[in-house]
Structure formats: C-alpha cells, structure tokens
Amino acid sequence: MTTLSGKTALVTGSTSGIGLGIALSLAKAGANLILNGFGDASSVIAEVGQFGGKVGHHPADVSDPAQIADMIAYAEREFGGVDILVNNAGIQHVAAVEEFPVERWDSIIAINLSSVFHSTRLSLPGMRAKGWGRIVNIASVHGQVGSTGKAAYVAAKHGVIGLTKVVGLETATSNVTCNAICPGWVLTPLVQKQIDDRAAKGIDPQQAQHDLLAEKQPSLEFVTPQHLGELVLFLCSEAGSQVRGAAWNIDGGWLAQ
C-alpha cells in the first residue's frame, strides 16, 4: 500500500462526489488533506479526519485566481505547502453551440481549465523546493472525444490534457510528475439526476441506468470515486514515478471503441 505519511494533499472540489472519494483514499494512505468546496464542510472534515491525519478546509471559488492564491497561501501557512495537488473541481452545462450562454462558457473555462493552470503554477515552486510533488488533473473521456451539447466542457477538458503534457515535460527531470485521469461515467449526484430524469418518463430505474451506460460505456458499470482514488494513489507511488504527462483512461472501455 502506498504510504503518504507526512505528505499534504490539496483536492479541489472535494466536499462531495469524485473529489471526496479521492480525498478519502489519500487520507487512508496517511496524507494530510486540504479540502475545498462551498458551504459547511464540518461533516466532511470529520469523515476524512477519521484516518488520523490533519484535515483543513478552504472555501476558495476556483473561478477566481486571487482566491486560489489565498488557498495555496493557506496551505503553505498551515500545512507547510502542497505535496500532492489534485485538480478536480468542475461544472457542466449542456446546450448547442449557437445557444450556449456566454456566461456559462466563461464559467466552465474558468473552473474546469483556468483553475488547473493557476493551482499548478502556484504549487509548483514549493514542490520543486521540496524535491517531490505529484499533480493529478481530473480530466475526462471528453478530453479526448467530443459529445454534442458539451462545447465548453469538451474544450476545457481537451485543454486540461494539453496543459498536463506541457507540465509533464517541464518537470520531466525532477521528482515532480503531472498526469491526467480521464474517467467515463462516474455515479455522482449529477449522473444520478440524468438516470432519474429518464426514469421520470416511465422507464424502470434499472433500465434507465443500463441505457445510459450502454450509450457509451461497454462495461455497463460505473467508474467509482474509489477507483479514481486508487489510481491517484498509484500515481503518487514510486511505481508511478515515470508516468509523466499521461492521460490515463478509466472509462469501462468507452475510448476503446
């Protein structure tokens, strides 16, 4: 098992869903955690803290570079810096290109792409100074293929993979690595809503779930936050030290088609 005792991980968008699953995996491996997300985080702090590490929370709105800078300053002040950065925060909106609200485009690019740049550029100096670091960007299968109605999300996730490659190259001779993970369908509250919307039209819930998966994911099974957390642990381990600038698919066969 990967031991991360003494390391501090910052996971953006980690008070629920994928981010929380990744934070829990890192905490189980002994890392201290900085959680990020809106609202009262007391219950999540307690859940992550059960494994004995130090846990903090910063409510930065990652669409704002100044708030990201404040979050990294908090990490340095309270935890001695960031050893593991997981850029996970993301939002979605679905509409055809000609109907896509401009403000939604701007928000998705800011949160899904620009925040990755800002968190990375601010965390890298500390990682280089320590001589060790891991940056893991949660991209998507939509970083490699398109889907109708998702112009901003697909553009942002393609950008995340491109940025990952550049940072992977720029850190190639150091003990800092940068990689992206590309999940397919993950059963999060947002995906559950899509299943519920189908079921509301009179389709059996199990059939609605099957139909959703069958459209894209050959395994007919969801990727779980725990799957993603274990992959993050691998990338943080010595075994993952020569995985650099990669976009790692974990998608039930989606991109194999």
C-alpha atoms as a PDB file:
ATOM      1  CA  MET A   1       0.000   0.000   0.000  1.00  0.00           C
ATOM      2  CA  THR A   2       1.224   3.480  -0.847  1.00  0.00           C
ATOM      3  CA  THR A   3       2.217   5.350   2.323  1.00  0.00           C
ATOM      4  CA  LEU A   4       1.807   9.117   2.171  1.00  0.00           C
ATOM      5  CA  SER A   5       2.514   9.900   5.806  1.00  0.00           C
ATOM      6  CA  GLY A   6       3.894  13.404   6.119  1.00  0.00           C
ATOM      7  CA  LYS A   7       2.577  14.491   2.719  1.00  0.00           C
ATOM      8  CA  THR A   8      -0.137  17.105   2.287  1.00  0.00           C
ATOM      9  CA  ALA A   9      -2.721  16.763  -0.477  1.00  0.00           C
ATOM     10  CA  LEU A  10      -4.966  19.543  -1.758  1.00  0.00           C
ATOM     11  CA  VAL A  11      -8.026  18.298  -3.636  1.00  0.00           C
ATOM     12  CA  THR A  12     -10.214  20.946  -5.245  1.00  0.00           C
ATOM     13  CA  GLY A  13     -13.963  20.363  -5.313  1.00  0.00           C
ATOM     14  CA  SER A  14     -13.616  17.734  -2.597  1.00  0.00           C
ATOM     15  CA  THR A  15     -16.632  18.170  -0.329  1.00  0.00           C
ATOM     16  CA  SER A  16     -18.647  15.624  -2.350  1.00  0.00           C
ATOM     17  CA  GLY A  17     -18.545  13.170  -5.252  1.00  0.00           C
ATOM     18  CA  ILE A  18     -15.304  12.332  -7.042  1.00  0.00           C
ATOM     19  CA  GLY A  19     -13.211  14.800  -5.074  1.00  0.00           C
ATOM     20  CA  LEU A  20     -14.348  13.418  -1.720  1.00  0.00           C
ATOM     21  CA  GLY A  21     -13.664   9.855  -2.867  1.00  0.00           C
ATOM     22  CA  ILE A  22     -10.125  10.813  -3.859  1.00  0.00           C
ATOM     23  CA  ALA A  23      -9.599  12.711  -0.591  1.00  0.00           C
ATOM     24  CA  LEU A  24     -10.680   9.654   1.410  1.00  0.00           C
ATOM     25  CA  SER A  25      -8.248   7.403  -0.474  1.00  0.00           C
ATOM     26  CA  LEU A  26      -5.389   9.823   0.169  1.00  0.00           C
ATOM     27  CA  ALA A  27      -6.320  10.140   3.844  1.00  0.00           C
ATOM     28  CA  LYS A  28      -6.412   6.342   4.240  1.00  0.00           C
ATOM     29  CA  ALA A  29      -2.861   6.277   2.863  1.00  0.00           C
ATOM     30  CA  GLY A  30      -1.751   8.665   5.606  1.00  0.00           C
ATOM     31  CA  ALA A  31      -1.784  12.041   3.858  1.00  0.00           C
ATOM     32  CA  ASN A  32      -2.889  15.269   5.456  1.00  0.00           C
ATOM     33  CA  LEU A  33      -5.761  16.774   3.489  1.00  0.00           C
ATOM     34  CA  ILE A  34      -6.845  20.238   2.459  1.00  0.00           C
ATOM     35  CA  LEU A  35     -10.435  20.073   1.262  1.00  0.00           C
ATOM     36  CA  ASN A  36     -12.004  22.687  -0.965  1.00  0.00           C
ATOM     37  CA  GLY A  37     -15.625  23.454  -1.647  1.00  0.00           C
ATOM     38  CA  PHE A  38     -18.536  25.693  -0.724  1.00  0.00           C
ATOM     39  CA  GLY A  39     -20.740  25.531   2.350  1.00  0.00           C
ATOM     40  CA  ASP A  40     -20.375  23.928   5.774  1.00  0.00           C
ATOM     41  CA  ALA A  41     -17.625  21.318   5.500  1.00  0.00           C
ATOM     42  CA  SER A  42     -17.672  20.127   9.137  1.00  0.00           C
ATOM     43  CA  SER A  43     -19.144  16.687   8.419  1.00  0.00           C
ATOM     44  CA  VAL A  44     -16.743  16.085   5.525  1.00  0.00           C
ATOM     45  CA  ILE A  45     -13.776  17.193   7.628  1.00  0.00           C
ATOM     46  CA  ALA A  46     -14.822  14.663  10.269  1.00  0.00           C
ATOM     47  CA  GLU A  47     -15.243  11.906   7.662  1.00  0.00           C
ATOM     48  CA  VAL A  48     -11.790  12.493   6.181  1.00  0.00           C
ATOM     49  CA  GLY A  49     -10.227  13.069   9.591  1.00  0.00           C
ATOM     50  CA  GLN A  50     -11.195   9.629  10.905  1.00  0.00           C
ATOM     51  CA  PHE A  51      -7.962   8.234   9.462  1.00  0.00           C
ATOM     52  CA  GLY A  52      -5.816  10.311  11.784  1.00  0.00           C
ATOM     53  CA  GLY A  53      -4.251  12.896   9.505  1.00  0.00           C
ATOM     54  CA  LYS A  54      -4.555  16.646   9.771  1.00  0.00           C
ATOM     55  CA  VAL A  55      -7.514  17.981   7.786  1.00  0.00           C
ATOM     56  CA  GLY A  56      -8.238  21.542   6.761  1.00  0.00           C
ATOM     57  CA  HIS A  57     -10.742  23.253   4.502  1.00  0.00           C
ATOM     58  CA  HIS A  58     -10.525  26.312   2.303  1.00  0.00           C
ATOM     59  CA  PRO A  59     -13.674  27.661   0.592  1.00  0.00           C
ATOM     60  CA  ALA A  60     -11.930  29.200  -2.432  1.00  0.00           C
ATOM     61  CA  ASP A  61     -14.058  29.789  -5.502  1.00  0.00           C
ATOM     62  CA  VAL A  62     -11.601  28.370  -8.020  1.00  0.00           C
ATOM     63  CA  SER A  63     -13.004  30.536 -10.812  1.00  0.00           C
ATOM     64  CA  ASP A  64     -11.140  33.409  -9.088  1.00  0.00           C
ATOM     65  CA  PRO A  65      -7.309  33.361  -9.343  1.00  0.00           C
ATOM     66  CA  ALA A  66      -6.992  35.550  -6.241  1.00  0.00           C
ATOM     67  CA  GLN A  67      -8.940  33.033  -4.140  1.00  0.00           C
ATOM     68  CA  ILE A  68      -6.776  30.203  -5.482  1.00  0.00           C
ATOM     69  CA  ALA A  69      -3.690  32.174  -4.438  1.00  0.00           C
ATOM     70  CA  ASP A  70      -5.189  32.595  -0.968  1.00  0.00           C
ATOM     71  CA  MET A  71      -5.829  28.835  -0.769  1.00  0.00           C
ATOM     72  CA  ILE A  72      -2.221  27.998  -1.672  1.00  0.00           C
ATOM     73  CA  ALA A  73      -1.011  30.575   0.878  1.00  0.00           C
ATOM     74  CA  TYR A  74      -3.239  28.876   3.473  1.00  0.00           C
ATOM     75  CA  ALA A  75      -1.679  25.512   2.564  1.00  0.00           C
ATOM     76  CA  GLU A  76       1.814  26.903   2.997  1.00  0.00           C
ATOM     77  CA  ARG A  77       0.970  28.633   6.264  1.00  0.00           C
ATOM     78  CA  GLU A  78      -0.975  25.812   7.933  1.00  0.00           C
ATOM     79  CA  PHE A  79       0.490  22.670   6.337  1.00  0.00           C
ATOM     80  CA  GLY A  80       3.929  23.647   5.053  1.00  0.00           C
ATOM     81  CA  GLY A  81       2.818  23.585   1.431  1.00  0.00           C
ATOM     82  CA  VAL A  82       1.215  21.252  -1.087  1.00  0.00           C
ATOM     83  CA  ASP A  83       2.907  17.943  -1.937  1.00  0.00           C
ATOM     84  CA  ILE A  84       0.011  16.446  -3.901  1.00  0.00           C
ATOM     85  CA  LEU A  85      -2.322  18.629  -5.953  1.00  0.00           C
ATOM     86  CA  VAL A  86      -5.484  17.067  -7.349  1.00  0.00           C
ATOM     87  CA  ASN A  87      -7.283  19.472  -9.674  1.00  0.00           C
ATOM     88  CA  ASN A  88     -10.788  18.062  -9.574  1.00  0.00           C
ATOM     89  CA  ALA A  89     -13.274  20.959  -9.388  1.00  0.00           C
ATOM     90  CA  GLY A  90     -15.593  21.134 -12.370  1.00  0.00           C
ATOM     91  CA  ILE A  91     -19.011  22.196 -13.611  1.00  0.00           C
ATOM     92  CA  GLN A  92     -21.109  21.312 -16.645  1.00  0.00           C
ATOM     93  CA  HIS A  93     -23.755  22.875 -18.864  1.00  0.00           C
ATOM     94  CA  VAL A  94     -25.375  21.300 -21.915  1.00  0.00           C
ATOM     95  CA  ALA A  95     -26.566  23.345 -24.907  1.00  0.00           C
ATOM     96  CA  ALA A  96     -25.918  23.575 -28.632  1.00  0.00           C
ATOM     97  CA  VAL A  97     -23.049  25.886 -29.602  1.00  0.00           C
ATOM     98  CA  GLU A  98     -25.270  28.581 -31.101  1.00  0.00           C
ATOM     99  CA  GLU A  99     -27.439  28.580 -27.960  1.00  0.00           C
ATOM    100  CA  PHE A 100     -24.646  28.236 -25.410  1.00  0.00           C
ATOM    101  CA  PRO A 101     -24.843  31.096 -22.863  1.00  0.00           C
ATOM    102  CA  VAL A 102     -21.633  33.129 -22.971  1.00  0.00           C
ATOM    103  CA  GLU A 103     -21.507  33.433 -19.192  1.00  0.00           C
ATOM    104  CA  ARG A 104     -21.746  29.633 -18.880  1.00  0.00           C
ATOM    105  CA  TRP A 105     -18.870  29.214 -21.333  1.00  0.00           C
ATOM    106  CA  ASP A 106     -16.750  31.637 -19.318  1.00  0.00           C
ATOM    107  CA  SER A 107     -17.565  29.895 -16.018  1.00  0.00           C
ATOM    108  CA  ILE A 108     -16.781  26.413 -17.311  1.00  0.00           C
ATOM    109  CA  ILE A 109     -13.466  27.504 -18.833  1.00  0.00           C
ATOM    110  CA  ALA A 110     -12.549  29.334 -15.611  1.00  0.00           C
ATOM    111  CA  ILE A 111     -13.356  26.448 -13.260  1.00  0.00           C
ATOM    112  CA  ASN A 112     -12.523  23.427 -15.430  1.00  0.00           C
ATOM    113  CA  LEU A 113      -9.378  24.745 -17.136  1.00  0.00           C
ATOM    114  CA  SER A 114      -8.004  28.048 -15.865  1.00  0.00           C
ATOM    115  CA  SER A 115      -8.139  26.904 -12.231  1.00  0.00           C
ATOM    116  CA  VAL A 116      -5.887  23.969 -13.134  1.00  0.00           C
ATOM    117  CA  PHE A 117      -3.314  26.403 -14.525  1.00  0.00           C
ATOM    118  CA  HIS A 118      -3.460  28.723 -11.525  1.00  0.00           C
ATOM    119  CA  SER A 119      -3.323  25.965  -8.886  1.00  0.00           C
ATOM    120  CA  THR A 120      -0.439  24.321 -10.712  1.00  0.00           C
ATOM    121  CA  ARG A 121       1.667  27.453 -11.268  1.00  0.00           C
ATOM    122  CA  LEU A 122       1.275  28.410  -7.602  1.00  0.00           C
ATOM    123  CA  SER A 123       2.013  24.923  -6.216  1.00  0.00           C
ATOM    124  CA  LEU A 124       4.984  24.038  -8.413  1.00  0.00           C
ATOM    125  CA  PRO A 125       7.615  26.283  -6.762  1.00  0.00           C
ATOM    126  CA  GLY A 126       7.033  24.617  -3.388  1.00  0.00           C
ATOM    127  CA  MET A 127       7.165  21.137  -4.911  1.00  0.00           C
ATOM    128  CA  ARG A 128      10.421  21.948  -6.691  1.00  0.00           C
ATOM    129  CA  ALA A 129      11.878  23.341  -3.471  1.00  0.00           C
ATOM    130  CA  LYS A 130      10.992  20.133  -1.598  1.00  0.00           C
ATOM    131  CA  GLY A 131      12.253  17.944  -4.432  1.00  0.00           C
ATOM    132  CA  TRP A 132       8.995  15.970  -4.700  1.00  0.00           C
ATOM    133  CA  GLY A 133       5.467  16.542  -5.916  1.00  0.00           C
ATOM    134  CA  ARG A 134       2.509  14.994  -7.656  1.00  0.00           C
ATOM    135  CA  ILE A 135      -0.021  16.868  -9.767  1.00  0.00           C
ATOM    136  CA  VAL A 136      -3.065  14.896 -10.876  1.00  0.00           C
ATOM    137  CA  ASN A 137      -5.632  16.590 -13.090  1.00  0.00           C
ATOM    138  CA  ILE A 138      -9.085  15.045 -13.269  1.00  0.00           C
ATOM    139  CA  ALA A 139      -9.867  15.421 -16.945  1.00  0.00           C
ATOM    140  CA  SER A 140     -12.474  13.218 -18.664  1.00  0.00           C
ATOM    141  CA  VAL A 141     -13.005  10.986 -21.652  1.00  0.00           C
ATOM    142  CA  HIS A 142     -14.284  14.278 -23.041  1.00  0.00           C
ATOM    143  CA  GLY A 143     -10.697  15.447 -23.010  1.00  0.00           C
ATOM    144  CA  GLN A 144     -10.159  13.042 -25.901  1.00  0.00           C
ATOM    145  CA  VAL A 145     -13.516  12.741 -27.654  1.00  0.00           C
ATOM    146  CA  GLY A 146     -16.474  15.040 -28.146  1.00  0.00           C
ATOM    147  CA  SER A 147     -20.175  14.827 -27.377  1.00  0.00           C
ATOM    148  CA  THR A 148     -22.915  17.080 -28.693  1.00  0.00           C
ATOM    149  CA  GLY A 149     -24.095  19.866 -26.417  1.00  0.00           C
ATOM    150  CA  LYS A 150     -20.915  19.959 -24.341  1.00  0.00           C
ATOM    151  CA  ALA A 151     -18.800  22.523 -26.201  1.00  0.00           C
ATOM    152  CA  ALA A 152     -17.326  24.275 -23.163  1.00  0.00           C
ATOM    153  CA  TYR A 153     -16.747  21.106 -21.130  1.00  0.00           C
ATOM    154  CA  VAL A 154     -15.083  19.279 -24.023  1.00  0.00           C
ATOM    155  CA  ALA A 155     -12.938  22.298 -24.886  1.00  0.00           C
ATOM    156  CA  ALA A 156     -11.863  22.693 -21.259  1.00  0.00           C
ATOM    157  CA  LYS A 157     -11.036  19.025 -20.764  1.00  0.00           C
ATOM    158  CA  HIS A 158      -9.044  18.900 -24.002  1.00  0.00           C
ATOM    159  CA  GLY A 159      -7.166  21.915 -22.650  1.00  0.00           C
ATOM    160  CA  VAL A 160      -6.501  20.147 -19.335  1.00  0.00           C
ATOM    161  CA  ILE A 161      -4.846  17.259 -21.158  1.00  0.00           C
ATOM    162  CA  GLY A 162      -2.721  19.668 -23.218  1.00  0.00           C
ATOM    163  CA  LEU A 163      -1.662  21.544 -20.092  1.00  0.00           C
ATOM    164  CA  THR A 164      -0.857  18.237 -18.392  1.00  0.00           C
ATOM    165  CA  LYS A 165       1.510  17.312 -21.211  1.00  0.00           C
ATOM    166  CA  VAL A 166       3.324  20.649 -21.004  1.00  0.00           C
ATOM    167  CA  VAL A 167       3.744  20.477 -17.218  1.00  0.00           C
ATOM    168  CA  GLY A 168       4.795  16.837 -17.519  1.00  0.00           C
ATOM    169  CA  LEU A 169       7.560  17.873 -19.917  1.00  0.00           C
ATOM    170  CA  GLU A 170       8.628  20.901 -17.902  1.00  0.00           C
ATOM    171  CA  THR A 171       9.037  18.750 -14.764  1.00  0.00           C
ATOM    172  CA  ALA A 172      10.467  15.701 -16.531  1.00  0.00           C
ATOM    173  CA  THR A 173      13.940  15.904 -14.959  1.00  0.00           C
ATOM    174  CA  SER A 174      12.579  16.484 -11.448  1.00  0.00           C
ATOM    175  CA  ASN A 175      10.803  14.374  -8.841  1.00  0.00           C
ATOM    176  CA  VAL A 176       7.580  16.216  -9.667  1.00  0.00           C
ATOM    177  CA  THR A 177       5.136  14.487 -12.003  1.00  0.00           C
ATOM    178  CA  CYS A 178       1.977  15.724 -13.695  1.00  0.00           C
ATOM    179  CA  ASN A 179      -0.667  13.435 -15.158  1.00  0.00           C
ATOM    180  CA  ALA A 180      -4.346  13.440 -16.038  1.00  0.00           C
ATOM    181  CA  ILE A 181      -7.039  10.894 -15.292  1.00  0.00           C
ATOM    182  CA  CYS A 182      -9.880  10.538 -17.794  1.00  0.00           C
ATOM    183  CA  PRO A 183     -12.987   8.984 -16.220  1.00  0.00           C
ATOM    184  CA  GLY A 184     -16.001   7.813 -18.146  1.00  0.00           C
ATOM    185  CA  TRP A 185     -19.400   7.702 -16.444  1.00  0.00           C
ATOM    186  CA  VAL A 186     -18.986   8.039 -12.673  1.00  0.00           C
ATOM    187  CA  LEU A 187     -22.072   7.659 -10.491  1.00  0.00           C
ATOM    188  CA  THR A 188     -22.173  11.108  -8.946  1.00  0.00           C
ATOM    189  CA  PRO A 189     -25.287  13.094  -7.954  1.00  0.00           C
ATOM    190  CA  LEU A 190     -25.199  14.819 -11.371  1.00  0.00           C
ATOM    191  CA  VAL A 191     -25.221  11.496 -13.231  1.00  0.00           C
ATOM    192  CA  GLN A 192     -27.870  10.090 -10.903  1.00  0.00           C
ATOM    193  CA  LYS A 193     -30.055  13.039 -11.886  1.00  0.00           C
ATOM    194  CA  GLN A 194     -29.758  12.004 -15.541  1.00  0.00           C
ATOM    195  CA  ILE A 195     -30.913   8.494 -14.598  1.00  0.00           C
ATOM    196  CA  ASP A 196     -33.766   9.918 -12.524  1.00  0.00           C
ATOM    197  CA  ASP A 197     -34.834  12.174 -15.403  1.00  0.00           C
ATOM    198  CA  ARG A 198     -35.095   9.129 -17.668  1.00  0.00           C
ATOM    199  CA  ALA A 199     -36.976   7.180 -15.014  1.00  0.00           C
ATOM    200  CA  ALA A 200     -39.405  10.082 -14.621  1.00  0.00           C
ATOM    201  CA  LYS A 201     -40.525   9.391 -18.197  1.00  0.00           C
ATOM    202  CA  GLY A 202     -41.796   5.970 -17.152  1.00  0.00           C
ATOM    203  CA  ILE A 203     -38.643   3.898 -17.693  1.00  0.00           C
ATOM    204  CA  ASP A 204     -37.665   1.404 -14.983  1.00  0.00           C
ATOM    205  CA  PRO A 205     -34.739   2.917 -12.996  1.00  0.00           C
ATOM    206  CA  GLN A 206     -32.500  -0.101 -13.613  1.00  0.00           C
ATOM    207  CA  GLN A 207     -33.297   0.068 -17.327  1.00  0.00           C
ATOM    208  CA  ALA A 208     -32.634   3.815 -17.314  1.00  0.00           C
ATOM    209  CA  GLN A 209     -29.198   3.211 -15.793  1.00  0.00           C
ATOM    210  CA  HIS A 210     -28.457   0.428 -18.280  1.00  0.00           C
ATOM    211  CA  ASP A 211     -29.496   2.594 -21.212  1.00  0.00           C
ATOM    212  CA  LEU A 212     -27.335   5.492 -20.068  1.00  0.00           C
ATOM    213  CA  LEU A 213     -24.256   3.272 -19.722  1.00  0.00           C
ATOM    214  CA  ALA A 214     -24.940   1.347 -22.931  1.00  0.00           C
ATOM    215  CA  GLU A 215     -24.739   4.542 -24.977  1.00  0.00           C
ATOM    216  CA  LYS A 216     -21.034   4.998 -24.168  1.00  0.00           C
ATOM    217  CA  GLN A 217     -19.519   2.592 -21.611  1.00  0.00           C
ATOM    218  CA  PRO A 218     -19.142  -1.036 -22.795  1.00  0.00           C
ATOM    219  CA  SER A 219     -18.583  -2.467 -19.312  1.00  0.00           C
ATOM    220  CA  LEU A 220     -22.124  -1.371 -18.393  1.00  0.00           C
ATOM    221  CA  GLU A 221     -20.709  -0.480 -14.986  1.00  0.00           C
ATOM    222  CA  PHE A 222     -19.928   2.884 -13.453  1.00  0.00           C
ATOM    223  CA  VAL A 223     -16.461   4.033 -12.549  1.00  0.00           C
ATOM    224  CA  THR A 224     -16.476   4.830  -8.828  1.00  0.00           C
ATOM    225  CA  PRO A 225     -14.780   7.611  -6.866  1.00  0.00           C
ATOM    226  CA  GLN A 226     -12.891   4.804  -5.105  1.00  0.00           C
ATOM    227  CA  HIS A 227     -11.488   3.582  -8.440  1.00  0.00           C
ATOM    228  CA  LEU A 228     -10.241   7.095  -9.116  1.00  0.00           C
ATOM    229  CA  GLY A 229      -8.781   7.413  -5.629  1.00  0.00           C
ATOM    230  CA  GLU A 230      -6.784   4.208  -6.036  1.00  0.00           C
ATOM    231  CA  LEU A 231      -5.424   5.405  -9.373  1.00  0.00           C
ATOM    232  CA  VAL A 232      -4.355   8.679  -7.762  1.00  0.00           C
ATOM    233  CA  LEU A 233      -2.522   6.633  -5.120  1.00  0.00           C
ATOM    234  CA  PHE A 234      -0.693   4.704  -7.830  1.00  0.00           C
ATOM    235  CA  LEU A 235       0.400   7.936  -9.496  1.00  0.00           C
ATOM    236  CA  CYS A 236       1.675   9.141  -6.102  1.00  0.00           C
ATOM    237  CA  SER A 237       3.671   5.949  -5.552  1.00  0.00           C
ATOM    238  CA  GLU A 238       7.214   5.106  -6.613  1.00  0.00           C
ATOM    239  CA  ALA A 239       5.700   2.759  -9.208  1.00  0.00           C
ATOM    240  CA  GLY A 240       4.102   5.796 -10.857  1.00  0.00           C
ATOM    241  CA  SER A 241       7.221   7.952 -10.815  1.00  0.00           C
ATOM    242  CA  GLN A 242       7.874   7.574 -14.554  1.00  0.00           C
ATOM    243  CA  VAL A 243       4.287   8.162 -15.609  1.00  0.00           C
ATOM    244  CA  ARG A 244       4.642  11.711 -16.925  1.00  0.00           C
ATOM    245  CA  GLY A 245       2.306  13.829 -18.994  1.00  0.00           C
ATOM    246  CA  ALA A 246      -0.066  10.910 -19.448  1.00  0.00           C
ATOM    247  CA  ALA A 247      -3.835  10.917 -19.916  1.00  0.00           C
ATOM    248  CA  TRP A 248      -4.957   7.735 -18.189  1.00  0.00           C
ATOM    249  CA  ASN A 249      -8.345   6.366 -19.297  1.00  0.00           C
ATOM    250  CA  ILE A 250     -10.572   4.762 -16.670  1.00  0.00           C
ATOM    251  CA  ASP A 251     -13.788   4.504 -18.617  1.00  0.00           C
ATOM    252  CA  GLY A 252     -15.140   0.964 -18.870  1.00  0.00           C
ATOM    253  CA  GLY A 253     -13.925   0.730 -22.473  1.00  0.00           C
ATOM    254  CA  TRP A 254     -15.506   3.973 -23.746  1.00  0.00           C
ATOM    255  CA  LEU A 255     -12.420   5.099 -25.679  1.00  0.00           C
ATOM    256  CA  ALA A 256     -11.560   1.614 -26.930  1.00  0.00           C
ATOM    257  CA  GLN A 257     -14.499   1.760 -29.368  1.00  0.00           C
END
